[in-house]
């Protein structure tokens, strides 16, 4: 496994850290979602969190399996940074928006490199 980690392009590593942070964030917010589910079995935050959880796990699994379809899914998952930057700016958090913008640039620049396309080559 360590050999495989060393062979990964930097863009894949950045994406895996991003995906792990999404999963950690979902894990930390799950208490709120469960508390809300007691009063209403189907709620918008619950549906959004569960869809994001499923999409993140599926995309991360494809990236780890080096599937070619993972690149497009990873770019789509990375695109959630764009509206989050706008929300942080509207909420008066310019430093958070700047940090997330730097992460977004690293994600998109890394995932659009040719070595990532070559790495994700399994049909």
Protein backbone atom coordinates (compact mmCIF):
# COMPACT_ATOMS: atom_id res chain seq x y z
CA UNK A 1 0.00 0.00 0.00
CA UNK A 2 2.85 2.41 0.76
CA UNK A 3 4.29 1.80 -2.70
CA UNK A 4 0.91 2.65 -4.18
CA UNK A 5 0.75 5.87 -2.13
CA UNK A 6 4.18 6.91 -3.39
CA UNK A 7 3.10 6.33 -6.99
CA UNK A 8 0.03 8.57 -6.64
CA UNK A 9 0.20 11.97 -8.29
CA UNK A 10 -0.05 14.95 -5.96
CA UNK A 11 -3.51 15.83 -7.33
CA UNK A 12 -4.87 12.47 -6.21
CA UNK A 13 -3.37 12.89 -2.75
CA UNK A 14 -4.91 16.35 -2.39
CA UNK A 15 -8.27 14.96 -3.50
CA UNK A 16 -8.08 12.09 -0.98
CA UNK A 17 -7.36 14.57 1.83
CA UNK A 18 -10.31 16.68 0.63
CA UNK A 19 -12.59 13.62 0.55
CA UNK A 20 -11.44 12.59 4.02
CA UNK A 21 -12.22 16.07 5.34
CA UNK A 22 -15.72 15.84 3.86
CA UNK A 23 -16.25 12.49 5.57
CA UNK A 24 -14.96 13.89 8.87
CA UNK A 25 -17.29 16.87 8.54
CA UNK A 26 -20.24 14.60 7.85
CA UNK A 27 -19.31 12.46 10.84
CA UNK A 28 -19.20 15.50 13.09
CA UNK A 29 -22.54 16.84 11.83
CA UNK A 30 -24.31 13.50 11.97
CA UNK A 31 -25.61 14.13 15.50
CA UNK A 32 -27.57 17.15 14.24
CA UNK A 33 -29.00 15.14 11.35
CA UNK A 34 -30.05 12.30 13.65
CA UNK A 35 -31.66 14.72 16.12
CA UNK A 36 -33.59 16.27 13.27
CA UNK A 37 -34.67 12.85 12.00
CA UNK A 38 -36.47 12.19 15.29
CA UNK A 39 -38.95 14.98 14.58
CA UNK A 40 -39.12 14.54 10.79
CA UNK A 41 -38.00 11.28 9.20
CA UNK A 42 -37.21 12.97 5.87
CA UNK A 43 -35.59 16.39 5.99
CA UNK A 44 -33.63 18.41 3.46
CA UNK A 45 -30.41 18.51 5.52
CA UNK A 46 -30.63 14.77 6.06
CA UNK A 47 -31.11 14.04 2.37
CA UNK A 48 -28.24 16.37 1.39
CA UNK A 49 -25.87 14.88 3.97
CA UNK A 50 -26.69 11.29 2.99
CA UNK A 51 -26.34 12.05 -0.73
CA UNK A 52 -22.99 13.78 -0.12
CA UNK A 53 -21.86 10.84 2.01
CA UNK A 54 -22.76 8.28 -0.65
CA UNK A 55 -21.21 10.33 -3.48
CA UNK A 56 -17.99 10.93 -1.55
CA UNK A 57 -17.57 7.27 -0.62
CA UNK A 58 -18.34 6.12 -4.17
CA UNK A 59 -15.91 8.61 -5.74
CA UNK A 60 -13.15 7.83 -3.25
CA UNK A 61 -13.58 4.12 -3.90
CA UNK A 62 -13.24 4.65 -7.65
CA UNK A 63 -10.15 6.82 -7.18
CA UNK A 64 -8.52 4.16 -5.00
CA UNK A 65 -9.35 1.54 -7.65
CA UNK A 66 -7.76 3.80 -10.33
CA UNK A 67 -10.89 3.78 -12.50
CA UNK A 68 -11.02 6.20 -15.44
CA UNK A 69 -14.50 7.40 -14.44
CA UNK A 70 -13.14 8.61 -11.11
CA UNK A 71 -11.57 11.72 -12.62
CA UNK A 72 -14.86 13.26 -13.70
CA UNK A 73 -16.54 12.33 -10.44
CA UNK A 74 -13.64 13.78 -8.45
CA UNK A 75 -13.85 17.04 -10.40
CA UNK A 76 -17.59 17.17 -9.75
CA UNK A 77 -17.08 16.57 -6.04
CA UNK A 78 -14.40 19.26 -5.97
CA UNK A 79 -16.83 21.72 -7.50
CA UNK A 80 -18.70 22.00 -4.20
CA UNK A 81 -15.89 24.29 -3.07
CA UNK A 82 -17.08 27.07 -5.41
CA UNK A 83 -20.48 27.79 -3.80
CA UNK A 84 -18.94 27.26 -0.37
CA UNK A 85 -16.45 30.04 -1.08
CA UNK A 86 -19.32 32.35 -2.01
CA UNK A 87 -21.22 31.41 1.15
CA UNK A 88 -18.18 32.10 3.29
CA UNK A 89 -17.73 35.51 1.67
CA UNK A 90 -21.40 36.36 2.19
CA UNK A 91 -21.13 35.20 5.80
CA UNK A 92 -18.25 37.57 6.50
CA UNK A 93 -15.51 34.92 6.63
CA UNK A 94 -12.90 36.15 4.13
CA UNK A 95 -10.02 34.16 5.65
CA UNK A 96 -11.99 30.91 5.44
CA UNK A 97 -12.95 31.75 1.87
CA UNK A 98 -9.30 32.41 1.00
CA UNK A 99 -8.19 29.08 2.49
CA UNK A 100 -10.95 27.22 0.65
CA UNK A 101 -10.11 29.06 -2.58
CA UNK A 102 -6.49 27.92 -2.26
CA UNK A 103 -7.72 24.36 -1.71
CA UNK A 104 -10.00 24.63 -4.75
CA UNK A 105 -7.11 25.82 -6.93
CA UNK A 106 -4.95 22.92 -5.72
CA UNK A 107 -7.77 20.44 -6.34
CA UNK A 108 -8.63 21.59 -9.84
CA UNK A 109 -5.03 22.14 -10.91
CA UNK A 110 -4.05 18.74 -9.56
CA UNK A 111 -6.97 16.80 -11.02
CA UNK A 112 -6.60 18.37 -14.46
CA UNK A 113 -2.96 17.31 -14.86
CA UNK A 114 -2.01 14.68 -17.41
CA UNK A 115 -0.37 12.43 -14.82
CA UNK A 116 -3.71 12.09 -13.01
CA UNK A 117 -5.34 11.04 -16.28
CA UNK A 118 -2.57 8.51 -16.80
CA UNK A 119 -2.84 7.25 -13.21
CA UNK A 120 -6.60 6.72 -13.42
CA UNK A 121 -6.43 4.30 -16.33
CA UNK A 122 -8.45 1.24 -15.33
CA UNK A 123 -11.62 0.69 -17.40
